[in-house]
Amino acid sequence: MRFRPCIDLHGGLVKQIVGSTLRDGEMPATNFSTEVSAAHFAEMFRDDNLDGGHVIMLGAGNEVAAESALQAFPGGLQIGGGIAPNNAAAWLERGAAAVIATSYLFDGAAFSWERLAALESEVGREHLVVDLSCAPIGDRYVVMADRWQSETDLEVGKTSLAALSSHCCEFLIHAVAVEGKQAGPDPTLVALLAASPLPTTYAGGIRSIDDIERIDTLARGRLDFTVGSALDLFGGSLRYRDLTRFNGTTESRH
């Protein structure tokens, strides 16, 4: 289990927003915003040997900031937000370790294996992370696309994780219902993700070391995690330095 840092970009700035409130023409609910550059945070993660984190571009106008972060930590960060076959390879050339695919993989509400194959062909399985951020719909967890506004036909479970695992190197999964709310992680989703055959990063609701330890127990050490609004770097109370020490003493069990 490892801490995977994140840099979320909105309007060219490093921000922490409630992802489910991101809509065209509206200001999202924002927990944190700073003029400190994305490159500054990337340099910090580089100096602390925290590779495998991600930069997420939330809408347009973030490309310059994203590229500066990748250049500050070449090969150390993944990139997501608007990734498609026509730009994926270019982001690898700019220094990304991998690209994170989200809404491109869906044709409307339907998951497209053809689109997945096109992206895999462009960058290779070893450079492709599939984002399966999902929300509880009845007794299922369903992937949400289009900035988490649209329900898709893809259910997150043992079968889908196994099928997708031969086409990508990792999964990134936000618990949409709790993301950005610092109300605790989604224990049912965490336990479900213990079945993942690939390295998987969980995000959503984490607010304390106790929450991280709970994730570790529920997922039997098989999940990595990221922390957003609760992290002191982004205005919260969970200390970044505690998490860097956590990485140094906790062995990944993937």
C-alpha atoms as a PDB file:
ATOM      1  CA  MET A   1       0.000   0.000   0.000  1.00  0.00           C
ATOM      2  CA  ARG A   2       1.404   3.351  -1.083  1.00  0.00           C
ATOM      3  CA  PHE A   3       0.468   7.007  -0.994  1.00  0.00           C
ATOM      4  CA  ARG A   4       0.051   8.300  -4.558  1.00  0.00           C
ATOM      5  CA  PRO A   5       0.048  12.117  -4.626  1.00  0.00           C
ATOM      6  CA  CYS A   6      -2.237  14.109  -6.898  1.00  0.00           C
ATOM      7  CA  ILE A   7      -2.245  17.498  -8.618  1.00  0.00           C
ATOM      8  CA  ASP A   8      -5.717  18.554  -9.767  1.00  0.00           C
ATOM      9  CA  LEU A   9      -5.827  21.466 -12.197  1.00  0.00           C
ATOM     10  CA  HIS A  10      -8.805  23.716 -12.917  1.00  0.00           C
ATOM     11  CA  GLY A  11      -8.523  26.976 -14.852  1.00  0.00           C
ATOM     12  CA  GLY A  12      -4.738  26.591 -14.868  1.00  0.00           C
ATOM     13  CA  LEU A  13      -4.510  26.548 -11.059  1.00  0.00           C
ATOM     14  CA  VAL A  14      -3.951  23.791  -8.544  1.00  0.00           C
ATOM     15  CA  LYS A  15      -7.331  23.233  -6.900  1.00  0.00           C
ATOM     16  CA  GLN A  16      -9.332  20.749  -4.906  1.00  0.00           C
ATOM     17  CA  ILE A  17     -12.962  20.686  -5.971  1.00  0.00           C
ATOM     18  CA  VAL A  18     -15.940  18.456  -5.347  1.00  0.00           C
ATOM     19  CA  GLY A  19     -15.721  16.547  -8.614  1.00  0.00           C
ATOM     20  CA  SER A  20     -19.429  15.846  -8.925  1.00  0.00           C
ATOM     21  CA  THR A  21     -20.112  19.628  -9.114  1.00  0.00           C
ATOM     22  CA  LEU A  22     -17.979  20.178 -12.238  1.00  0.00           C
ATOM     23  CA  ARG A  23     -20.327  21.376 -14.980  1.00  0.00           C
ATOM     24  CA  ASP A  24     -19.995  23.590 -18.040  1.00  0.00           C
ATOM     25  CA  GLY A  25     -20.857  27.217 -17.359  1.00  0.00           C
ATOM     26  CA  GLU A  26     -20.926  26.793 -13.574  1.00  0.00           C
ATOM     27  CA  MET A  27     -18.337  27.295 -10.871  1.00  0.00           C
ATOM     28  CA  PRO A  28     -17.666  24.009  -9.087  1.00  0.00           C
ATOM     29  CA  ALA A  29     -17.688  23.698  -5.314  1.00  0.00           C
ATOM     30  CA  THR A  30     -14.058  24.462  -4.472  1.00  0.00           C
ATOM     31  CA  ASN A  31     -12.366  23.293  -1.281  1.00  0.00           C
ATOM     32  CA  PHE A  32      -8.950  24.776  -2.064  1.00  0.00           C
ATOM     33  CA  SER A  33      -7.183  26.924  -4.653  1.00  0.00           C
ATOM     34  CA  THR A  34      -3.636  28.256  -4.811  1.00  0.00           C
ATOM     35  CA  GLU A  35      -1.379  30.356  -7.005  1.00  0.00           C
ATOM     36  CA  VAL A  36       1.517  28.011  -6.128  1.00  0.00           C
ATOM     37  CA  SER A  37       2.523  26.322  -9.360  1.00  0.00           C
ATOM     38  CA  ALA A  38       1.833  22.732 -10.314  1.00  0.00           C
ATOM     39  CA  ALA A  39       5.573  22.366 -10.936  1.00  0.00           C
ATOM     40  CA  HIS A  40       6.277  23.265  -7.303  1.00  0.00           C
ATOM     41  CA  PHE A  41       4.157  20.365  -6.068  1.00  0.00           C
ATOM     42  CA  ALA A  42       5.689  18.027  -8.651  1.00  0.00           C
ATOM     43  CA  GLU A  43       9.182  18.960  -7.486  1.00  0.00           C
ATOM     44  CA  MET A  44       8.164  18.201  -3.897  1.00  0.00           C
ATOM     45  CA  PHE A  45       6.853  14.776  -4.886  1.00  0.00           C
ATOM     46  CA  ARG A  46      10.017  14.132  -6.902  1.00  0.00           C
ATOM     47  CA  ASP A  47      12.285  15.067  -3.991  1.00  0.00           C
ATOM     48  CA  ASP A  48      10.323  12.732  -1.696  1.00  0.00           C
ATOM     49  CA  ASN A  49      10.460   9.845  -4.210  1.00  0.00           C
ATOM     50  CA  LEU A  50       6.669   9.709  -4.501  1.00  0.00           C
ATOM     51  CA  ASP A  51       6.344   8.373  -8.024  1.00  0.00           C
ATOM     52  CA  GLY A  52       3.123   7.033  -9.477  1.00  0.00           C
ATOM     53  CA  GLY A  53       0.997  10.055  -8.634  1.00  0.00           C
ATOM     54  CA  HIS A  54      -1.279  11.752 -11.107  1.00  0.00           C
ATOM     55  CA  VAL A  55      -2.021  15.124 -12.670  1.00  0.00           C
ATOM     56  CA  ILE A  56      -5.673  15.604 -13.631  1.00  0.00           C
ATOM     57  CA  MET A  57      -6.758  18.368 -16.008  1.00  0.00           C
ATOM     58  CA  LEU A  58     -10.299  19.341 -15.070  1.00  0.00           C
ATOM     59  CA  GLY A  59     -11.433  21.006 -18.261  1.00  0.00           C
ATOM     60  CA  ALA A  60      -9.633  23.257 -20.737  1.00  0.00           C
ATOM     61  CA  GLY A  61      -6.850  25.719 -20.011  1.00  0.00           C
ATOM     62  CA  ASN A  62      -4.677  23.383 -17.956  1.00  0.00           C
ATOM     63  CA  GLU A  63      -2.204  22.109 -20.527  1.00  0.00           C
ATOM     64  CA  VAL A  64       0.632  24.531 -19.723  1.00  0.00           C
ATOM     65  CA  ALA A  65       0.439  23.873 -15.981  1.00  0.00           C
ATOM     66  CA  ALA A  66       0.221  20.123 -16.567  1.00  0.00           C
ATOM     67  CA  GLU A  67       3.252  20.102 -18.840  1.00  0.00           C
ATOM     68  CA  SER A  68       5.272  22.098 -16.299  1.00  0.00           C
ATOM     69  CA  ALA A  69       4.484  19.483 -13.634  1.00  0.00           C
ATOM     70  CA  LEU A  70       5.531  16.622 -15.907  1.00  0.00           C
ATOM     71  CA  GLN A  71       8.785  18.378 -16.776  1.00  0.00           C
ATOM     72  CA  ALA A  72       9.510  18.889 -13.072  1.00  0.00           C
ATOM     73  CA  PHE A  73       9.112  15.171 -12.374  1.00  0.00           C
ATOM     74  CA  PRO A  74       9.736  13.360 -15.685  1.00  0.00           C
ATOM     75  CA  GLY A  75       8.532   9.781 -15.619  1.00  0.00           C
ATOM     76  CA  GLY A  76       7.103  10.219 -12.148  1.00  0.00           C
ATOM     77  CA  LEU A  77       3.524  11.299 -12.800  1.00  0.00           C
ATOM     78  CA  GLN A  78       0.549  10.064 -14.794  1.00  0.00           C
ATOM     79  CA  ILE A  79      -1.675  12.482 -16.734  1.00  0.00           C
ATOM     80  CA  GLY A  80      -5.442  12.472 -17.146  1.00  0.00           C
ATOM     81  CA  GLY A  81      -8.170  14.701 -18.504  1.00  0.00           C
ATOM     82  CA  GLY A  82      -9.209  14.710 -22.146  1.00  0.00           C
ATOM     83  CA  ILE A  83      -6.876  11.867 -23.085  1.00  0.00           C
ATOM     84  CA  ALA A  84      -7.550  10.337 -26.520  1.00  0.00           C
ATOM     85  CA  PRO A  85      -5.502   8.611 -29.253  1.00  0.00           C
ATOM     86  CA  ASN A  86      -4.744  11.940 -30.935  1.00  0.00           C
ATOM     87  CA  ASN A  87      -2.907  13.371 -27.915  1.00  0.00           C
ATOM     88  CA  ALA A  88      -1.907  10.425 -25.686  1.00  0.00           C
ATOM     89  CA  ALA A  89       1.547   9.805 -27.173  1.00  0.00           C
ATOM     90  CA  ALA A  90       2.361  13.509 -27.000  1.00  0.00           C
ATOM     91  CA  TRP A  91       1.771  13.515 -23.251  1.00  0.00           C
ATOM     92  CA  LEU A  92       4.202  10.622 -22.873  1.00  0.00           C
ATOM     93  CA  GLU A  93       6.746  12.619 -24.858  1.00  0.00           C
ATOM     94  CA  ARG A  94       6.225  15.534 -22.452  1.00  0.00           C
ATOM     95  CA  GLY A  95       7.250  13.339 -19.540  1.00  0.00           C
ATOM     96  CA  ALA A  96       4.168  11.473 -18.345  1.00  0.00           C
ATOM     97  CA  ALA A  97       4.748   7.955 -17.049  1.00  0.00           C
ATOM     98  CA  ALA A  98       1.301   6.928 -18.291  1.00  0.00           C
ATOM     99  CA  VAL A  99      -1.943   8.401 -19.558  1.00  0.00           C
ATOM    100  CA  ILE A 100      -5.235   7.994 -17.711  1.00  0.00           C
ATOM    101  CA  ALA A 101      -8.277   7.237 -19.860  1.00  0.00           C
ATOM    102  CA  THR A 102     -11.752   8.244 -18.738  1.00  0.00           C
ATOM    103  CA  SER A 103     -14.681   9.492 -20.800  1.00  0.00           C
ATOM    104  CA  TYR A 104     -13.009   8.736 -24.147  1.00  0.00           C
ATOM    105  CA  LEU A 105     -13.579   5.033 -23.471  1.00  0.00           C
ATOM    106  CA  PHE A 106     -17.344   5.480 -23.688  1.00  0.00           C
ATOM    107  CA  ASP A 107     -19.549   5.944 -26.736  1.00  0.00           C
ATOM    108  CA  GLY A 108     -22.406   7.702 -25.048  1.00  0.00           C
ATOM    109  CA  ALA A 109     -23.218   5.510 -22.060  1.00  0.00           C
ATOM    110  CA  ALA A 110     -21.743   2.365 -23.608  1.00  0.00           C
ATOM    111  CA  PHE A 111     -18.220   1.209 -22.837  1.00  0.00           C
ATOM    112  CA  SER A 112     -16.256   0.842 -26.081  1.00  0.00           C
ATOM    113  CA  TRP A 113     -13.733  -1.961 -26.343  1.00  0.00           C
ATOM    114  CA  GLU A 114     -12.796  -0.549 -29.750  1.00  0.00           C
ATOM    115  CA  ARG A 115     -11.813   2.795 -28.196  1.00  0.00           C
ATOM    116  CA  LEU A 116      -9.842   1.014 -25.505  1.00  0.00           C
ATOM    117  CA  ALA A 117      -7.995  -0.956 -28.193  1.00  0.00           C
ATOM    118  CA  ALA A 118      -7.245   2.236 -30.145  1.00  0.00           C
ATOM    119  CA  LEU A 119      -5.730   3.910 -27.098  1.00  0.00           C
ATOM    120  CA  GLU A 120      -3.796   0.799 -26.099  1.00  0.00           C
ATOM    121  CA  SER A 121      -2.405   0.575 -29.634  1.00  0.00           C
ATOM    122  CA  GLU A 122      -1.269   4.204 -29.452  1.00  0.00           C
ATOM    123  CA  VAL A 123       0.632   4.112 -26.140  1.00  0.00           C
ATOM    124  CA  GLY A 124       0.944   0.460 -25.148  1.00  0.00           C
ATOM    125  CA  ARG A 125      -0.639  -1.372 -22.258  1.00  0.00           C
ATOM    126  CA  GLU A 126       2.283  -0.451 -19.994  1.00  0.00           C
ATOM    127  CA  HIS A 127       1.514   3.266 -20.350  1.00  0.00           C
ATOM    128  CA  LEU A 128      -2.269   3.127 -20.004  1.00  0.00           C
ATOM    129  CA  VAL A 129      -4.242   3.612 -16.780  1.00  0.00           C
ATOM    130  CA  VAL A 130      -8.014   3.103 -16.873  1.00  0.00           C
ATOM    131  CA  ASP A 131     -10.096   5.387 -14.677  1.00  0.00           C
ATOM    132  CA  LEU A 132     -13.099   3.526 -13.266  1.00  0.00           C
ATOM    133  CA  SER A 133     -14.419   6.242 -10.969  1.00  0.00           C
ATOM    134  CA  CYS A 134     -17.851   5.062  -9.935  1.00  0.00           C
ATOM    135  CA  ALA A 135     -20.984   5.703  -7.904  1.00  0.00           C
ATOM    136  CA  PRO A 136     -23.337   3.327  -6.112  1.00  0.00           C
ATOM    137  CA  ILE A 137     -26.457   2.700  -8.193  1.00  0.00           C
ATOM    138  CA  GLY A 138     -28.716   0.338  -6.254  1.00  0.00           C
ATOM    139  CA  ASP A 139     -26.497  -2.514  -5.146  1.00  0.00           C
ATOM    140  CA  ARG A 140     -23.929  -1.981  -7.945  1.00  0.00           C
ATOM    141  CA  TYR A 141     -21.001   0.369  -8.526  1.00  0.00           C
ATOM    142  CA  VAL A 142     -21.342   1.981 -11.945  1.00  0.00           C
ATOM    143  CA  VAL A 143     -18.651   3.970 -13.749  1.00  0.00           C
ATOM    144  CA  MET A 144     -19.549   7.630 -14.226  1.00  0.00           C
ATOM    145  CA  ALA A 145     -18.385   9.544 -17.321  1.00  0.00           C
ATOM    146  CA  ASP A 146     -18.597  13.150 -18.583  1.00  0.00           C
ATOM    147  CA  ARG A 147     -17.180  14.712 -15.403  1.00  0.00           C
ATOM    148  CA  TRP A 148     -19.053  12.166 -13.301  1.00  0.00           C
ATOM    149  CA  GLN A 149     -22.431  13.422 -14.514  1.00  0.00           C
ATOM    150  CA  SER A 150     -23.437  10.467 -16.697  1.00  0.00           C
ATOM    151  CA  GLU A 151     -24.135   6.891 -15.654  1.00  0.00           C
ATOM    152  CA  THR A 152     -22.606   4.291 -17.988  1.00  0.00           C
ATOM    153  CA  ASP A 153     -23.239   0.614 -18.649  1.00  0.00           C
ATOM    154  CA  LEU A 154     -19.952  -0.486 -17.047  1.00  0.00           C
ATOM    155  CA  GLU A 155     -20.215  -2.037 -13.602  1.00  0.00           C
ATOM    156  CA  VAL A 156     -17.103  -2.244 -11.435  1.00  0.00           C
ATOM    157  CA  GLY A 157     -16.640  -5.781 -10.184  1.00  0.00           C
ATOM    158  CA  LYS A 158     -14.425  -8.816 -10.338  1.00  0.00           C
ATOM    159  CA  THR A 159     -15.462  -9.669 -13.909  1.00  0.00           C
ATOM    160  CA  SER A 160     -14.904  -6.213 -15.402  1.00  0.00           C
ATOM    161  CA  LEU A 161     -11.633  -5.691 -13.545  1.00  0.00           C
ATOM    162  CA  ALA A 162     -10.310  -8.990 -14.870  1.00  0.00           C
ATOM    163  CA  ALA A 163     -11.411  -8.256 -18.436  1.00  0.00           C
ATOM    164  CA  LEU A 164      -9.851  -4.788 -18.475  1.00  0.00           C
ATOM    165  CA  SER A 165      -6.633  -5.835 -16.789  1.00  0.00           C
ATOM    166  CA  SER A 166      -5.101  -7.279 -19.965  1.00  0.00           C
ATOM    167  CA  HIS A 167      -5.361  -3.873 -21.677  1.00  0.00           C
ATOM    168  CA  CYS A 168      -3.871  -1.497 -19.090  1.00  0.00           C
ATOM    169  CA  CYS A 169      -1.262  -1.346 -16.346  1.00  0.00           C
ATOM    170  CA  GLU A 170      -3.276   0.191 -13.486  1.00  0.00           C
ATOM    171  CA  PHE A 171      -6.686   1.392 -12.360  1.00  0.00           C
ATOM    172  CA  LEU A 172      -7.542   4.757 -10.801  1.00  0.00           C
ATOM    173  CA  ILE A 173     -10.878   4.752  -8.990  1.00  0.00           C
ATOM    174  CA  HIS A 174     -12.571   7.677  -7.263  1.00  0.00           C
ATOM    175  CA  ALA A 175     -15.539   6.964  -5.026  1.00  0.00           C
ATOM    176  CA  VAL A 176     -17.756   9.604  -6.595  1.00  0.00           C
ATOM    177  CA  ALA A 177     -20.333   9.698  -3.788  1.00  0.00           C
ATOM    178  CA  VAL A 178     -17.772  10.704  -1.145  1.00  0.00           C
ATOM    179  CA  GLU A 179     -15.017  12.404  -3.184  1.00  0.00           C
ATOM    180  CA  GLY A 180     -14.086  15.870  -1.913  1.00  0.00           C
ATOM    181  CA  LYS A 181     -16.360  15.658   1.138  1.00  0.00           C
ATOM    182  CA  GLN A 182     -13.891  14.432   3.787  1.00  0.00           C
ATOM    183  CA  ALA A 183     -16.592  12.203   5.220  1.00  0.00           C
ATOM    184  CA  GLY A 184     -14.629   8.962   5.221  1.00  0.00           C
ATOM    185  CA  PRO A 185     -13.961   6.413   2.464  1.00  0.00           C
ATOM    186  CA  ASP A 186     -16.568   4.130   0.923  1.00  0.00           C
ATOM    187  CA  PRO A 187     -15.938   0.826   2.749  1.00  0.00           C
ATOM    188  CA  THR A 188     -18.032  -1.297   0.403  1.00  0.00           C
ATOM    189  CA  LEU A 189     -16.152  -0.073  -2.668  1.00  0.00           C
ATOM    190  CA  VAL A 190     -12.793  -0.461  -0.923  1.00  0.00           C
ATOM    191  CA  ALA A 191     -13.561  -4.098  -0.076  1.00  0.00           C
ATOM    192  CA  LEU A 192     -14.755  -4.715  -3.640  1.00  0.00           C
ATOM    193  CA  LEU A 193     -11.518  -3.355  -5.084  1.00  0.00           C
ATOM    194  CA  ALA A 194      -9.453  -5.856  -3.117  1.00  0.00           C
ATOM    195  CA  ALA A 195     -10.232  -8.213  -6.034  1.00  0.00           C
ATOM    196  CA  SER A 196      -8.366  -6.019  -8.519  1.00  0.00           C
ATOM    197  CA  PRO A 197      -5.681  -7.960 -10.423  1.00  0.00           C
ATOM    198  CA  LEU A 198      -3.690  -4.762 -11.107  1.00  0.00           C
ATOM    199  CA  PRO A 199      -2.207  -1.981  -8.973  1.00  0.00           C
ATOM    200  CA  THR A 200      -5.185   0.203  -8.093  1.00  0.00           C
ATOM    201  CA  THR A 201      -5.343   3.656  -6.541  1.00  0.00           C
ATOM    202  CA  TYR A 202      -8.407   4.515  -4.464  1.00  0.00           C
ATOM    203  CA  ALA A 203      -9.526   8.119  -3.954  1.00  0.00           C
ATOM    204  CA  GLY A 204     -12.432   9.582  -2.055  1.00  0.00           C
ATOM    205  CA  GLY A 205     -13.349  10.705   1.438  1.00  0.00           C
ATOM    206  CA  ILE A 206     -10.022  10.065   3.169  1.00  0.00           C
ATOM    207  CA  ARG A 207      -9.571  12.449   6.104  1.00  0.00           C
ATOM    208  CA  SER A 208      -7.232  10.763   8.611  1.00  0.00           C
ATOM    209  CA  ILE A 209      -4.571   8.126   9.187  1.00  0.00           C
ATOM    210  CA  ASP A 210      -7.336   6.003  10.725  1.00  0.00           C
ATOM    211  CA  ASP A 211      -9.157   6.071   7.383  1.00  0.00           C
ATOM    212  CA  ILE A 212      -5.996   4.944   5.598  1.00  0.00           C
ATOM    213  CA  GLU A 213      -5.495   2.099   8.039  1.00  0.00           C
ATOM    214  CA  ARG A 214      -9.120   1.080   7.541  1.00  0.00           C
ATOM    215  CA  ILE A 215      -8.601   0.962   3.778  1.00  0.00           C
ATOM    216  CA  ASP A 216      -5.498  -1.158   4.327  1.00  0.00           C
ATOM    217  CA  THR A 217      -7.485  -3.626   6.433  1.00  0.00           C
ATOM    218  CA  LEU A 218     -10.573  -3.781   4.201  1.00  0.00           C
ATOM    219  CA  ALA A 219      -8.530  -4.212   1.012  1.00  0.00           C
ATOM    220  CA  ARG A 220      -5.993  -6.539   2.633  1.00  0.00           C
ATOM    221  CA  GLY A 221      -3.145  -4.227   1.669  1.00  0.00           C
ATOM    222  CA  ARG A 222      -3.956  -4.434  -2.033  1.00  0.00           C
ATOM    223  CA  LEU A 223      -4.894  -0.785  -2.680  1.00  0.00           C
ATOM    224  CA  ASP A 224      -2.833   2.356  -3.001  1.00  0.00           C
ATOM    225  CA  PHE A 225      -4.507   5.625  -2.087  1.00  0.00           C
ATOM    226  CA  THR A 226      -4.489   9.329  -2.807  1.00  0.00           C
ATOM    227  CA  VAL A 227      -5.592  12.229  -0.617  1.00  0.00           C
ATOM    228  CA  GLY A 228      -6.988  15.513  -1.885  1.00  0.00           C
ATOM    229  CA  SER A 229      -8.828  18.110   0.165  1.00  0.00           C
ATOM    230  CA  ALA A 230      -7.849  16.583   3.510  1.00  0.00           C
ATOM    231  CA  LEU A 231      -4.117  16.987   2.841  1.00  0.00           C
ATOM    232  CA  ASP A 232      -2.399  19.925   4.546  1.00  0.00           C
ATOM    233  CA  LEU A 233      -0.804  20.916   1.216  1.00  0.00           C
ATOM    234  CA  PHE A 234      -4.330  21.608  -0.006  1.00  0.00           C
ATOM    235  CA  GLY A 235      -5.784  23.253   3.088  1.00  0.00           C
ATOM    236  CA  GLY A 236      -6.640  20.151   5.130  1.00  0.00           C
ATOM    237  CA  SER A 237      -5.310  18.738   8.387  1.00  0.00           C
ATOM    238  CA  LEU A 238      -3.802  15.410   7.278  1.00  0.00           C
ATOM    239  CA  ARG A 239      -0.066  15.993   7.246  1.00  0.00           C
ATOM    240  CA  TYR A 240       1.795  15.345   4.025  1.00  0.00           C
ATOM    241  CA  ARG A 241       4.941  14.472   5.959  1.00  0.00           C
ATOM    242  CA  ASP A 242       3.073  11.729   7.790  1.00  0.00           C
ATOM    243  CA  LEU A 243       2.181  10.190   4.447  1.00  0.00           C
ATOM    244  CA  THR A 244       5.718  10.374   3.088  1.00  0.00           C
ATOM    245  CA  ARG A 245       6.867   8.482   6.179  1.00  0.00           C
ATOM    246  CA  PHE A 246       4.011   6.034   5.650  1.00  0.00           C
ATOM    247  CA  ASN A 247       5.373   5.299   2.185  1.00  0.00           C
ATOM    248  CA  GLY A 248       8.794   4.729   3.603  1.00  0.00           C
ATOM    249  CA  THR A 249       7.647   2.114   6.090  1.00  0.00           C
ATOM    250  CA  THR A 250       4.822   0.365   4.224  1.00  0.00           C
ATOM    251  CA  GLU A 251       5.597  -2.239   1.586  1.00  0.00           C
ATOM    252  CA  SER A 252       3.400  -2.439  -1.460  1.00  0.00           C
ATOM    253  CA  ARG A 253       1.732  -5.832  -1.664  1.00  0.00           C
ATOM    254  CA  HIS A 254       0.473  -5.785  -5.269  1.00  0.00           C
END
